[in-house]
Amino acid sequence: MPKPLIEARPGAIEIDPARTALIIIDMQRDFLEPGGFGETLGNDVGLLAAAIGPCGRVLEAARRAGLAVIHTREGHRPDLSDAPPAKIERGAPAMRIGDLGPMGRILVRGEPGHEIIPALAPAPGEPVVDKPGKGAFYQTDLELMLHNRGIEALLVCGVTTEVCVHTTVREANDRGFRCIVVGDACGSYFPEFHEAGLRMIAAQGGIFGWVTDAAAVVRALEAVETD
């Protein structure tokens, strides 16, 4: 069976669906909705909304094609024992990590704001990796999960492009995974950082990976469905 080819920068990349996973990073209410951690830092959370539709289209295509799907969430233990003081001290003094906000305690596991937005809710059987930091490999079992499934390539979506997405891609690259970042399925509070972050990934012949868009991924995965 021919392997699907995804058009991308710096060049098209062939994937094996059985050895490819879709990683959706931190599409949480705390980052995408008013009253969460993203807004307490002074950001316009509405800027991330553009990534929801493309992310959803890639997610549905990945499910139909039988790819492994893994979601991540950034957040901390209720006692904040895994939250460094330097991180807690960011943001407005009255609305920091652990403080009570409109969606419960900010960036705390188990609170409403920590949950993934309903439009991208995990399906039964799709693992959710809870991480205390920006990278999805730091202090998590993600690498073990990927190796146990024989995964060698990652389709990466989520927020924010230059922070949690970029950190995860760099971690994955150092561990030998091929990363294909779906640019329009990622988002940032700073459009200029989003564009620069994508350029950095594909620069120098793909120093960290490849950059594509949702339409190209869906086309490639639809070929798997019809084979």
N, C-alpha and C. Protein backbone atom coordinates (compact mmCIF):
# COMPACT_ATOMS: atom_id res chain seq x y z
N MET A 1 0.84 -1.19 0.00
CA MET A 1 0.00 0.00 0.00
C MET A 1 0.88 1.25 0.00
N PRO A 2 0.67 2.17 -0.94
CA PRO A 2 1.49 3.39 -0.96
C PRO A 2 1.24 4.23 0.28
N LYS A 3 2.32 4.84 0.77
CA LYS A 3 2.20 5.68 1.95
C LYS A 3 1.78 7.09 1.55
N PRO A 4 0.94 7.74 2.34
CA PRO A 4 0.49 9.09 1.98
C PRO A 4 1.64 10.08 2.01
N LEU A 5 1.58 11.03 1.09
CA LEU A 5 2.59 12.07 0.96
C LEU A 5 1.96 13.40 1.35
N ILE A 6 2.55 14.08 2.30
CA ILE A 6 2.03 15.36 2.77
C ILE A 6 2.87 16.49 2.19
N GLU A 7 2.23 17.38 1.47
CA GLU A 7 2.94 18.55 0.96
C GLU A 7 3.31 19.46 2.13
N ALA A 8 4.56 19.88 2.16
CA ALA A 8 5.04 20.63 3.32
C ALA A 8 6.28 21.43 2.94
N ARG A 9 6.70 22.29 3.88
CA ARG A 9 7.99 22.97 3.77
C ARG A 9 8.96 22.29 4.74
N PRO A 10 10.18 22.05 4.37
CA PRO A 10 10.87 22.46 3.14
C PRO A 10 10.65 21.52 1.96
N GLY A 11 9.93 20.43 2.14
CA GLY A 11 9.64 19.51 1.05
C GLY A 11 8.59 18.52 1.49
N ALA A 12 7.96 17.84 0.54
CA ALA A 12 6.93 16.86 0.87
C ALA A 12 7.52 15.74 1.72
N ILE A 13 6.69 15.18 2.60
CA ILE A 13 7.15 14.10 3.48
C ILE A 13 6.16 12.95 3.45
N GLU A 14 6.68 11.76 3.33
CA GLU A 14 5.87 10.54 3.32
C GLU A 14 5.73 10.02 4.74
N ILE A 15 4.52 9.59 5.10
CA ILE A 15 4.30 9.04 6.43
C ILE A 15 3.70 7.65 6.35
N ASP A 16 3.94 6.87 7.38
CA ASP A 16 3.30 5.57 7.55
C ASP A 16 2.22 5.76 8.61
N PRO A 17 0.93 5.69 8.24
CA PRO A 17 -0.14 5.95 9.21
C PRO A 17 -0.04 5.08 10.47
N ALA A 18 0.44 3.87 10.31
CA ALA A 18 0.53 2.97 11.46
C ALA A 18 1.62 3.41 12.44
N ARG A 19 2.53 4.28 11.97
CA ARG A 19 3.64 4.72 12.82
C ARG A 19 3.65 6.23 13.00
N THR A 20 2.47 6.83 12.82
CA THR A 20 2.32 8.28 12.96
C THR A 20 1.25 8.58 14.00
N ALA A 21 1.52 9.55 14.85
CA ALA A 21 0.54 9.97 15.85
C ALA A 21 0.22 11.44 15.68
N LEU A 22 -1.02 11.79 15.94
CA LEU A 22 -1.44 13.19 16.00
C LEU A 22 -1.35 13.63 17.46
N ILE A 23 -0.57 14.68 17.72
CA ILE A 23 -0.44 15.24 19.05
C ILE A 23 -1.13 16.61 19.05
N ILE A 24 -2.15 16.76 19.86
CA ILE A 24 -2.87 18.04 19.97
C ILE A 24 -2.50 18.66 21.32
N ILE A 25 -1.83 19.79 21.25
CA ILE A 25 -1.21 20.37 22.43
C ILE A 25 -2.07 21.46 23.07
N ASP A 26 -2.49 21.22 24.28
CA ASP A 26 -3.02 22.24 25.20
C ASP A 26 -4.18 23.08 24.66
N MET A 27 -5.09 22.45 23.93
CA MET A 27 -6.27 23.19 23.46
C MET A 27 -7.28 23.25 24.61
N GLN A 28 -6.90 23.98 25.65
CA GLN A 28 -7.63 24.03 26.90
C GLN A 28 -8.41 25.33 27.07
N ARG A 29 -9.43 25.27 27.87
CA ARG A 29 -10.23 26.47 28.16
C ARG A 29 -9.37 27.55 28.81
N ASP A 30 -8.40 27.16 29.63
CA ASP A 30 -7.54 28.14 30.31
C ASP A 30 -6.74 28.98 29.32
N PHE A 31 -6.51 28.47 28.13
CA PHE A 31 -5.74 29.21 27.14
C PHE A 31 -6.61 29.87 26.08
N LEU A 32 -7.77 29.26 25.79
CA LEU A 32 -8.57 29.72 24.66
C LEU A 32 -9.80 30.53 25.04
N GLU A 33 -10.18 30.54 26.30
CA GLU A 33 -11.42 31.21 26.69
C GLU A 33 -11.13 32.35 27.67
N PRO A 34 -11.99 33.34 27.70
CA PRO A 34 -11.83 34.45 28.66
C PRO A 34 -11.84 33.94 30.10
N GLY A 35 -11.01 34.55 30.93
CA GLY A 35 -10.98 34.21 32.34
C GLY A 35 -9.95 33.18 32.72
N GLY A 36 -9.25 32.62 31.73
CA GLY A 36 -8.24 31.62 32.01
C GLY A 36 -6.85 32.20 32.13
N PHE A 37 -5.87 31.31 32.19
CA PHE A 37 -4.49 31.73 32.40
C PHE A 37 -3.99 32.65 31.29
N GLY A 38 -4.34 32.33 30.05
CA GLY A 38 -3.88 33.15 28.93
C GLY A 38 -4.30 34.60 29.07
N GLU A 39 -5.55 34.80 29.46
CA GLU A 39 -6.04 36.17 29.60
C GLU A 39 -5.44 36.87 30.81
N THR A 40 -5.17 36.13 31.90
CA THR A 40 -4.58 36.77 33.07
C THR A 40 -3.20 37.32 32.79
N LEU A 41 -2.55 36.80 31.74
CA LEU A 41 -1.24 37.32 31.35
C LEU A 41 -1.36 38.54 30.44
N GLY A 42 -2.60 38.97 30.18
CA GLY A 42 -2.82 40.16 29.36
C GLY A 42 -3.00 39.89 27.89
N ASN A 43 -3.26 38.63 27.52
CA ASN A 43 -3.37 38.26 26.11
C ASN A 43 -4.81 38.33 25.60
N ASP A 44 -4.95 38.51 24.29
CA ASP A 44 -6.24 38.44 23.62
C ASP A 44 -6.47 36.99 23.22
N VAL A 45 -7.25 36.27 24.02
CA VAL A 45 -7.44 34.84 23.78
C VAL A 45 -8.20 34.58 22.48
N GLY A 46 -8.92 35.58 21.99
CA GLY A 46 -9.65 35.41 20.74
C GLY A 46 -8.75 35.11 19.55
N LEU A 47 -7.46 35.48 19.65
CA LEU A 47 -6.53 35.23 18.55
C LEU A 47 -6.28 33.74 18.33
N LEU A 48 -6.56 32.92 19.34
CA LEU A 48 -6.32 31.48 19.19
C LEU A 48 -7.48 30.76 18.51
N ALA A 49 -8.61 31.43 18.39
CA ALA A 49 -9.81 30.77 17.85
C ALA A 49 -9.61 30.28 16.41
N ALA A 50 -8.76 30.95 15.65
CA ALA A 50 -8.56 30.55 14.25
C ALA A 50 -7.99 29.15 14.12
N ALA A 51 -7.33 28.66 15.15
CA ALA A 51 -6.72 27.33 15.07
C ALA A 51 -7.72 26.21 15.33
N ILE A 52 -8.88 26.53 15.91
CA ILE A 52 -9.81 25.48 16.32
C ILE A 52 -10.36 24.70 15.13
N GLY A 53 -10.83 25.41 14.10
CA GLY A 53 -11.39 24.73 12.94
C GLY A 53 -10.39 23.82 12.23
N PRO A 54 -9.21 24.34 11.85
CA PRO A 54 -8.22 23.47 11.21
C PRO A 54 -7.81 22.29 12.09
N CYS A 55 -7.68 22.54 13.37
CA CYS A 55 -7.33 21.46 14.29
C CYS A 55 -8.41 20.38 14.29
N GLY A 56 -9.65 20.80 14.30
CA GLY A 56 -10.76 19.86 14.28
C GLY A 56 -10.79 19.03 13.00
N ARG A 57 -10.48 19.67 11.87
CA ARG A 57 -10.48 18.93 10.60
C ARG A 57 -9.36 17.89 10.56
N VAL A 58 -8.20 18.23 11.08
CA VAL A 58 -7.10 17.27 11.14
C VAL A 58 -7.45 16.14 12.09
N LEU A 59 -8.05 16.48 13.22
CA LEU A 59 -8.43 15.46 14.19
C LEU A 59 -9.40 14.45 13.58
N GLU A 60 -10.42 14.93 12.90
CA GLU A 60 -11.39 14.01 12.31
C GLU A 60 -10.76 13.15 11.22
N ALA A 61 -9.88 13.75 10.42
CA ALA A 61 -9.21 12.98 9.37
C ALA A 61 -8.30 11.91 9.97
N ALA A 62 -7.60 12.26 11.05
CA ALA A 62 -6.72 11.31 11.72
C ALA A 62 -7.51 10.15 12.30
N ARG A 63 -8.66 10.46 12.90
CA ARG A 63 -9.49 9.39 13.44
C ARG A 63 -9.99 8.46 12.36
N ARG A 64 -10.43 9.02 11.24
CA ARG A 64 -10.93 8.18 10.14
C ARG A 64 -9.83 7.30 9.56
N ALA A 65 -8.61 7.83 9.53
CA ALA A 65 -7.49 7.08 8.96
C ALA A 65 -6.85 6.12 9.95
N GLY A 66 -7.31 6.14 11.19
CA GLY A 66 -6.81 5.18 12.17
C GLY A 66 -5.50 5.56 12.84
N LEU A 67 -5.12 6.85 12.79
CA LEU A 67 -3.90 7.27 13.46
C LEU A 67 -4.08 7.27 14.97
N ALA A 68 -2.99 7.08 15.67
CA ALA A 68 -3.00 7.29 17.11
C ALA A 68 -3.21 8.78 17.37
N VAL A 69 -4.05 9.10 18.35
CA VAL A 69 -4.33 10.49 18.70
C VAL A 69 -4.04 10.67 20.19
N ILE A 70 -3.23 11.67 20.51
CA ILE A 70 -2.88 11.96 21.90
C ILE A 70 -3.09 13.45 22.16
N HIS A 71 -3.74 13.77 23.25
CA HIS A 71 -3.97 15.16 23.65
C HIS A 71 -3.07 15.48 24.83
N THR A 72 -2.69 16.74 24.96
CA THR A 72 -1.95 17.16 26.16
C THR A 72 -2.67 18.33 26.83
N ARG A 73 -2.41 18.45 28.13
CA ARG A 73 -2.91 19.58 28.91
C ARG A 73 -1.78 20.06 29.82
N GLU A 74 -1.61 21.37 29.87
CA GLU A 74 -0.67 21.93 30.84
C GLU A 74 -1.44 22.31 32.11
N GLY A 75 -0.92 21.92 33.24
CA GLY A 75 -1.58 22.27 34.49
C GLY A 75 -0.84 21.68 35.66
N HIS A 76 -1.29 22.03 36.85
CA HIS A 76 -0.55 21.66 38.06
C HIS A 76 -1.41 20.96 39.08
N ARG A 77 -0.74 20.28 39.99
CA ARG A 77 -1.41 19.61 41.10
C ARG A 77 -2.15 20.64 41.94
N PRO A 78 -3.23 20.26 42.58
CA PRO A 78 -3.98 21.23 43.40
C PRO A 78 -3.14 21.90 44.49
N ASP A 79 -2.12 21.18 45.02
CA ASP A 79 -1.29 21.81 46.04
C ASP A 79 -0.14 22.62 45.46
N LEU A 80 -0.07 22.68 44.12
CA LEU A 80 0.95 23.46 43.39
C LEU A 80 2.38 23.02 43.70
N SER A 81 2.55 21.81 44.20
CA SER A 81 3.89 21.34 44.52
C SER A 81 4.77 21.13 43.29
N ASP A 82 4.14 21.04 42.12
CA ASP A 82 4.91 20.88 40.88
C ASP A 82 4.99 22.17 40.07
N ALA A 83 4.61 23.28 40.67
CA ALA A 83 4.63 24.58 39.98
C ALA A 83 5.77 25.44 40.53
N PRO A 84 6.80 25.71 39.74
CA PRO A 84 7.92 26.52 40.23
C PRO A 84 7.47 27.92 40.63
N PRO A 85 8.01 28.47 41.70
CA PRO A 85 7.64 29.82 42.12
C PRO A 85 7.79 30.86 41.01
N ALA A 86 8.83 30.72 40.19
CA ALA A 86 9.03 31.68 39.11
C ALA A 86 7.88 31.67 38.12
N LYS A 87 7.23 30.51 37.97
CA LYS A 87 6.08 30.43 37.07
C LYS A 87 4.83 31.01 37.73
N ILE A 88 4.64 30.71 39.00
CA ILE A 88 3.47 31.21 39.72
C ILE A 88 3.47 32.74 39.78
N GLU A 89 4.65 33.33 39.88
CA GLU A 89 4.76 34.77 40.05
C GLU A 89 4.46 35.57 38.79
N ARG A 90 4.28 34.90 37.68
CA ARG A 90 3.92 35.59 36.45
C ARG A 90 2.45 35.99 36.49
N GLY A 91 2.11 37.07 35.79
CA GLY A 91 0.72 37.47 35.70
C GLY A 91 0.32 38.45 36.79
N ALA A 92 -0.92 38.89 36.73
CA ALA A 92 -1.43 39.85 37.71
C ALA A 92 -1.43 39.23 39.10
N PRO A 93 -1.01 39.98 40.12
CA PRO A 93 -0.89 39.42 41.48
C PRO A 93 -2.16 38.77 42.01
N ALA A 94 -3.33 39.26 41.60
CA ALA A 94 -4.58 38.71 42.11
C ALA A 94 -5.11 37.54 41.30
N MET A 95 -4.47 37.22 40.18
CA MET A 95 -4.97 36.16 39.30
C MET A 95 -3.80 35.35 38.76
N ARG A 96 -3.19 34.58 39.62
CA ARG A 96 -2.06 33.76 39.23
C ARG A 96 -2.44 32.29 39.27
N ILE A 97 -1.52 31.43 38.83
CA ILE A 97 -1.76 29.99 38.87
C ILE A 97 -2.21 29.59 40.27
N GLY A 98 -3.31 28.86 40.33
CA GLY A 98 -3.85 28.40 41.60
C GLY A 98 -4.92 29.30 42.17
N ASP A 99 -4.99 30.57 41.71
CA ASP A 99 -6.02 31.48 42.19
C ASP A 99 -7.38 31.12 41.58
N LEU A 100 -8.44 31.51 42.25
CA LEU A 100 -9.78 31.21 41.77
C LEU A 100 -10.19 32.20 40.69
N GLY A 101 -10.52 31.67 39.51
CA GLY A 101 -10.98 32.48 38.39
C GLY A 101 -12.37 32.07 37.96
N PRO A 102 -12.85 32.60 36.84
CA PRO A 102 -14.20 32.28 36.37
C PRO A 102 -14.40 30.80 36.04
N MET A 103 -13.30 30.07 35.77
CA MET A 103 -13.41 28.65 35.42
C MET A 103 -12.72 27.78 36.46
N GLY A 104 -12.79 28.21 37.72
CA GLY A 104 -12.14 27.46 38.78
C GLY A 104 -10.72 27.95 39.01
N ARG A 105 -9.96 27.20 39.73
CA ARG A 105 -8.57 27.60 40.02
C ARG A 105 -7.76 27.56 38.73
N ILE A 106 -7.02 28.60 38.49
CA ILE A 106 -6.32 28.80 37.22
C ILE A 106 -5.19 27.79 37.04
N LEU A 107 -5.23 27.09 35.90
CA LEU A 107 -4.21 26.14 35.47
C LEU A 107 -3.97 25.04 36.50
N VAL A 108 -5.04 24.58 37.12
CA VAL A 108 -4.97 23.50 38.10
C VAL A 108 -5.74 22.30 37.57
N ARG A 109 -5.13 21.14 37.65
CA ARG A 109 -5.74 19.92 37.16
C ARG A 109 -7.07 19.64 37.87
N GLY A 110 -8.05 19.22 37.08
CA GLY A 110 -9.35 18.90 37.62
C GLY A 110 -10.33 20.06 37.62
N GLU A 111 -9.84 21.27 37.37
CA GLU A 111 -10.72 22.43 37.33
C GLU A 111 -11.32 22.59 35.93
N PRO A 112 -12.47 23.26 35.81
CA PRO A 112 -13.10 23.42 34.49
C PRO A 112 -12.18 24.06 33.45
N GLY A 113 -11.40 25.04 33.86
CA GLY A 113 -10.52 25.71 32.91
C GLY A 113 -9.41 24.86 32.39
N HIS A 114 -9.08 23.81 33.12
CA HIS A 114 -8.00 22.90 32.70
C HIS A 114 -8.45 21.97 31.58
N GLU A 115 -9.74 21.84 31.40
CA GLU A 115 -10.26 20.88 30.42
C GLU A 115 -10.03 21.35 28.98
N ILE A 116 -9.97 20.38 28.09
CA ILE A 116 -9.87 20.66 26.65
C ILE A 116 -11.21 21.21 26.17
N ILE A 117 -11.17 22.16 25.25
CA ILE A 117 -12.40 22.77 24.77
C ILE A 117 -13.33 21.71 24.16
N PRO A 118 -14.65 21.87 24.30
CA PRO A 118 -15.58 20.84 23.83
C PRO A 118 -15.42 20.49 22.35
N ALA A 119 -15.08 21.46 21.51
CA ALA A 119 -14.97 21.21 20.08
C ALA A 119 -13.88 20.19 19.74
N LEU A 120 -12.91 20.02 20.65
CA LEU A 120 -11.80 19.11 20.39
C LEU A 120 -11.69 18.05 21.49
N ALA A 121 -12.78 17.76 22.14
CA ALA A 121 -12.77 16.82 23.26
C ALA A 121 -12.23 15.46 22.84
N PRO A 122 -11.39 14.87 23.67
CA PRO A 122 -10.86 13.54 23.35
C PRO A 122 -11.97 12.50 23.22
N ALA A 123 -11.82 11.61 22.27
CA ALA A 123 -12.75 10.50 22.12
C ALA A 123 -12.34 9.38 23.08
N PRO A 124 -13.25 8.47 23.39
CA PRO A 124 -12.88 7.34 24.25
C PRO A 124 -11.66 6.61 23.70
N GLY A 125 -10.71 6.34 24.57
CA GLY A 125 -9.50 5.64 24.16
C GLY A 125 -8.36 6.53 23.72
N GLU A 126 -8.61 7.83 23.55
CA GLU A 126 -7.53 8.75 23.19
C GLU A 126 -6.85 9.27 24.46
N PRO A 127 -5.57 8.94 24.65
CA PRO A 127 -4.90 9.35 25.89
C PRO A 127 -4.78 10.86 26.02
N VAL A 128 -4.83 11.32 27.26
CA VAL A 128 -4.59 12.72 27.59
C VAL A 128 -3.37 12.76 28.51
N VAL A 129 -2.34 13.47 28.06
CA VAL A 129 -1.10 13.58 28.83
C VAL A 129 -1.12 14.90 29.60
N ASP A 130 -1.09 14.82 30.92
CA ASP A 130 -1.03 16.01 31.75
C ASP A 130 0.43 16.35 32.02
N LYS A 131 0.80 17.59 31.72
CA LYS A 131 2.20 18.00 31.83
C LYS A 131 2.30 19.25 32.71
N PRO A 132 3.35 19.34 33.53
CA PRO A 132 3.52 20.51 34.38
C PRO A 132 4.28 21.64 33.72
N GLY A 133 4.88 21.36 32.56
CA GLY A 133 5.70 22.36 31.89
C GLY A 133 5.22 22.62 30.48
N LYS A 134 6.08 23.26 29.72
CA LYS A 134 5.72 23.63 28.35
C LYS A 134 5.90 22.48 27.37
N GLY A 135 6.93 21.70 27.55
CA GLY A 135 7.16 20.57 26.67
C GLY A 135 6.34 19.36 27.07
N ALA A 136 5.84 18.62 26.08
CA ALA A 136 4.99 17.46 26.38
C ALA A 136 5.79 16.25 26.81
N PHE A 137 7.11 16.28 26.69
CA PHE A 137 7.94 15.16 27.11
C PHE A 137 8.47 15.34 28.53
N TYR A 138 8.48 16.55 29.03
CA TYR A 138 9.04 16.83 30.35
C TYR A 138 8.11 16.33 31.46
N GLN A 139 8.64 15.42 32.30
CA GLN A 139 7.91 14.88 33.44
C GLN A 139 6.59 14.21 33.05
N THR A 140 6.58 13.55 31.87
CA THR A 140 5.39 12.80 31.43
C THR A 140 5.83 11.45 30.89
N ASP A 141 4.87 10.60 30.57
CA ASP A 141 5.17 9.30 29.97
C ASP A 141 4.90 9.29 28.47
N LEU A 142 4.89 10.46 27.84
CA LEU A 142 4.59 10.54 26.41
C LEU A 142 5.59 9.72 25.58
N GLU A 143 6.88 9.86 25.86
CA GLU A 143 7.87 9.14 25.07
C GLU A 143 7.66 7.63 25.17
N LEU A 144 7.38 7.14 26.36
CA LEU A 144 7.12 5.72 26.54
C LEU A 144 5.90 5.28 25.74
N MET A 145 4.85 6.09 25.77
CA MET A 145 3.63 5.77 25.03
C MET A 145 3.90 5.68 23.53
N LEU A 146 4.68 6.61 23.01
CA LEU A 146 4.98 6.62 21.59
C LEU A 146 5.83 5.41 21.19
N HIS A 147 6.83 5.12 21.98
CA HIS A 147 7.69 3.98 21.67
C HIS A 147 6.91 2.67 21.76
N ASN A 148 6.03 2.56 22.72
CA ASN A 148 5.23 1.33 22.86
C ASN A 148 4.32 1.11 21.67
N ARG A 149 3.94 2.18 20.99
CA ARG A 149 3.08 2.08 19.82
C ARG A 149 3.87 2.04 18.51
N GLY A 150 5.18 2.10 18.61
CA GLY A 150 6.02 2.07 17.40
C GLY A 150 5.94 3.33 16.58
N ILE A 151 5.64 4.45 17.23
CA ILE A 151 5.48 5.72 16.52
C ILE A 151 6.85 6.31 16.16
N GLU A 152 6.95 6.82 14.92
CA GLU A 152 8.18 7.45 14.48
C GLU A 152 7.97 8.87 13.96
N ALA A 153 6.73 9.25 13.68
CA ALA A 153 6.43 10.58 13.16
C ALA A 153 5.25 11.18 13.92
N LEU A 154 5.30 12.50 14.09
CA LEU A 154 4.26 13.20 14.82
C LEU A 154 3.66 14.31 13.97
N LEU A 155 2.33 14.33 13.87
CA LEU A 155 1.61 15.48 13.36
C LEU A 155 1.29 16.34 14.58
N VAL A 156 1.68 17.60 14.55
CA VAL A 156 1.58 18.43 15.75
C VAL A 156 0.66 19.62 15.50
N CYS A 157 -0.34 19.77 16.37
CA CYS A 157 -1.25 20.91 16.36
C CYS A 157 -1.32 21.48 17.78
N GLY A 158 -1.88 22.68 17.92
CA GLY A 158 -2.15 23.19 19.25
C GLY A 158 -1.63 24.58 19.52
N VAL A 159 -1.58 24.91 20.81
CA VAL A 159 -1.18 26.26 21.24
C VAL A 159 -0.19 26.17 22.40
N THR A 160 0.60 27.24 22.54
CA THR A 160 0.81 28.27 21.53
C THR A 160 2.03 27.91 20.70
N THR A 161 2.06 28.44 19.48
CA THR A 161 3.06 28.02 18.51
C THR A 161 4.47 28.14 19.03
N GLU A 162 4.80 29.30 19.60
CA GLU A 162 6.19 29.56 19.96
C GLU A 162 6.55 29.07 21.37
N VAL A 163 5.55 28.58 22.10
CA VAL A 163 5.82 28.15 23.48
C VAL A 163 5.68 26.62 23.56
N CYS A 164 4.48 26.12 23.86
CA CYS A 164 4.33 24.69 24.10
C CYS A 164 4.50 23.85 22.83
N VAL A 165 4.03 24.36 21.69
CA VAL A 165 4.23 23.62 20.44
C VAL A 165 5.72 23.55 20.10
N HIS A 166 6.39 24.69 20.13
CA HIS A 166 7.81 24.72 19.76
C HIS A 166 8.65 23.88 20.72
N THR A 167 8.37 24.01 22.02
CA THR A 167 9.13 23.24 23.00
C THR A 167 8.96 21.75 22.77
N THR A 168 7.74 21.32 22.52
CA THR A 168 7.47 19.90 22.28
C THR A 168 8.16 19.41 21.02
N VAL A 169 8.11 20.20 19.96
CA VAL A 169 8.76 19.81 18.71
C VAL A 169 10.27 19.68 18.90
N ARG A 170 10.87 20.59 19.63
CA ARG A 170 12.31 20.51 19.88
C ARG A 170 12.64 19.27 20.71
N GLU A 171 11.83 18.99 21.72
CA GLU A 171 12.04 17.79 22.52
C GLU A 171 11.92 16.54 21.65
N ALA A 172 10.89 16.50 20.81
CA ALA A 172 10.67 15.33 19.95
C ALA A 172 11.80 15.16 18.95
N ASN A 173 12.25 16.27 18.38
CA ASN A 173 13.34 16.23 17.41
C ASN A 173 14.60 15.61 18.04
N ASP A 174 14.92 16.01 19.25
CA ASP A 174 16.10 15.46 19.93
C ASP A 174 15.95 13.99 20.25
N ARG A 175 14.72 13.51 20.29
CA ARG A 175 14.47 12.09 20.59
C ARG A 175 14.30 11.26 19.33
N GLY A 176 14.50 11.86 18.17
CA GLY A 176 14.48 11.11 16.93
C GLY A 176 13.16 11.02 16.21
N PHE A 177 12.14 11.74 16.69
CA PHE A 177 10.86 11.72 16.00
C PHE A 177 10.86 12.74 14.86
N ARG A 178 10.20 12.40 13.78
CA ARG A 178 9.98 13.35 12.69
C ARG A 178 8.71 14.14 13.00
N CYS A 179 8.82 15.45 13.02
CA CYS A 179 7.69 16.30 13.40
C CYS A 179 7.15 17.07 12.20
N ILE A 180 5.85 17.00 12.01
CA ILE A 180 5.17 17.72 10.95
C ILE A 180 4.17 18.66 11.63
N VAL A 181 4.47 19.93 11.63
CA VAL A 181 3.66 20.91 12.33
C VAL A 181 2.59 21.45 11.38
N VAL A 182 1.34 21.38 11.82
CA VAL A 182 0.23 21.84 11.00
C VAL A 182 0.00 23.32 11.34
N GLY A 183 0.58 24.19 10.52
CA GLY A 183 0.67 25.60 10.87
C GLY A 183 -0.64 26.29 11.19
N ASP A 184 -1.66 26.08 10.37
CA ASP A 184 -2.93 26.78 10.62
C ASP A 184 -3.74 26.12 11.71
N ALA A 185 -3.31 24.97 12.19
CA ALA A 185 -3.94 24.30 13.33
C ALA A 185 -3.19 24.61 14.62
N CYS A 186 -2.28 25.57 14.55
CA CYS A 186 -1.58 26.09 15.72
C CYS A 186 -1.94 27.56 15.86
N GLY A 187 -1.71 28.13 17.03
CA GLY A 187 -2.04 29.53 17.22
C GLY A 187 -1.19 30.16 18.29
N SER A 188 -1.13 31.49 18.24
CA SER A 188 -0.36 32.26 19.20
C SER A 188 -1.11 33.54 19.54
N TYR A 189 -0.83 34.09 20.71
CA TYR A 189 -1.36 35.41 21.06
C TYR A 189 -0.63 36.51 20.30
N PHE A 190 0.48 36.14 19.65
CA PHE A 190 1.30 37.10 18.91
C PHE A 190 1.49 36.58 17.49
N PRO A 191 0.74 37.10 16.51
CA PRO A 191 0.84 36.58 15.14
C PRO A 191 2.26 36.58 14.60
N GLU A 192 3.06 37.58 14.98
CA GLU A 192 4.43 37.62 14.48
C GLU A 192 5.28 36.49 15.06
N PHE A 193 4.99 36.08 16.29
CA PHE A 193 5.70 34.94 16.88
C PHE A 193 5.29 33.64 16.21
N HIS A 194 4.00 33.53 15.89
CA HIS A 194 3.49 32.35 15.18
C HIS A 194 4.23 32.16 13.86
N GLU A 195 4.31 33.21 13.07
CA GLU A 195 4.97 33.11 11.77
C GLU A 195 6.45 32.80 11.92
N ALA A 196 7.11 33.49 12.85
CA ALA A 196 8.54 33.26 13.06
C ALA A 196 8.78 31.83 13.56
N GLY A 197 7.90 31.36 14.45
CA GLY A 197 8.06 30.02 14.98
C GLY A 197 7.96 28.95 13.90
N LEU A 198 7.01 29.12 12.98
CA LEU A 198 6.88 28.16 11.89
C LEU A 198 8.09 28.21 10.97
N ARG A 199 8.58 29.41 10.70
CA ARG A 199 9.76 29.53 9.83
C ARG A 199 10.98 28.86 10.47
N MET A 200 11.11 28.99 11.76
CA MET A 200 12.24 28.38 12.46
C MET A 200 12.23 26.86 12.35
N ILE A 201 11.05 26.27 12.41
CA ILE A 201 10.94 24.81 12.34
C ILE A 201 11.42 24.28 11.00
N ALA A 202 11.02 24.94 9.91
CA ALA A 202 11.34 24.44 8.56
C ALA A 202 12.65 24.97 8.02
N ALA A 203 13.30 25.88 8.74
CA ALA A 203 14.54 26.49 8.24
C ALA A 203 15.66 25.45 8.13
N GLN A 204 16.66 25.79 7.34
CA GLN A 204 17.88 24.98 7.19
C GLN A 204 17.56 23.53 6.82
N GLY A 205 16.64 23.37 5.87
CA GLY A 205 16.28 22.04 5.42
C GLY A 205 15.41 21.27 6.39
N GLY A 206 14.72 21.99 7.27
CA GLY A 206 13.86 21.32 8.24
C GLY A 206 14.61 20.95 9.51
N ILE A 207 15.26 21.94 10.11
CA ILE A 207 16.12 21.66 11.27
C ILE A 207 15.35 21.06 12.44
N PHE A 208 14.09 21.44 12.60
CA PHE A 208 13.26 20.83 13.64
C PHE A 208 12.14 19.98 13.07
N GLY A 209 11.85 20.13 11.77
CA GLY A 209 10.78 19.35 11.18
C GLY A 209 10.21 19.99 9.93
N TRP A 210 8.95 19.68 9.66
CA TRP A 210 8.26 20.15 8.48
C TRP A 210 7.07 21.00 8.91
N VAL A 211 6.65 21.89 8.02
CA VAL A 211 5.48 22.72 8.27
C VAL A 211 4.50 22.54 7.12
N THR A 212 3.26 22.27 7.46
CA THR A 212 2.23 22.06 6.45
C THR A 212 0.96 22.79 6.89
N ASP A 213 -0.17 22.49 6.24
CA ASP A 213 -1.44 23.05 6.68
C ASP A 213 -2.49 21.95 6.75
N ALA A 214 -3.62 22.28 7.34
CA ALA A 214 -4.67 21.28 7.57
C ALA A 214 -5.17 20.66 6.27
N ALA A 215 -5.32 21.47 5.23
CA ALA A 215 -5.84 20.94 3.97
C ALA A 215 -4.93 19.87 3.40
N ALA A 216 -3.62 20.10 3.47
CA ALA A 216 -2.65 19.12 2.94
C ALA A 216 -2.69 17.83 3.74
N VAL A 217 -2.84 17.94 5.05
CA VAL A 217 -2.91 16.74 5.89
C VAL A 217 -4.18 15.96 5.59
N VAL A 218 -5.30 16.65 5.49
CA VAL A 218 -6.57 15.97 5.21
C VAL A 218 -6.51 15.27 3.86
N ARG A 219 -5.97 15.93 2.84
CA ARG A 219 -5.85 15.29 1.52
C ARG A 219 -5.04 14.00 1.61
N ALA A 220 -3.92 14.07 2.31
CA ALA A 220 -3.06 12.89 2.41
C ALA A 220 -3.74 11.76 3.17
N LEU A 221 -4.42 12.10 4.26
CA LEU A 221 -5.07 11.06 5.06
C LEU A 221 -6.31 10.50 4.38
N GLU A 222 -6.97 11.31 3.57
CA GLU A 222 -8.11 10.78 2.82
C GLU A 222 -7.69 9.71 1.83
N ALA A 223 -6.46 9.80 1.35
CA ALA A 223 -5.95 8.76 0.45
C ALA A 223 -5.83 7.44 1.18
N VAL A 224 -5.55 7.48 2.48
CA VAL A 224 -5.49 6.24 3.27
C VAL A 224 -6.86 5.61 3.34
N GLU A 225 -7.89 6.42 3.52
CA GLU A 225 -9.26 5.89 3.65
C GLU A 225 -9.74 5.19 2.38
N THR A 226 -9.28 5.66 1.24
CA THR A 226 -9.80 5.13 -0.04
C THR A 226 -8.97 3.97 -0.57
N ASP A 227 -7.81 3.71 0.03
CA ASP A 227 -6.97 2.60 -0.44
C ASP A 227 -7.57 1.24 -0.06
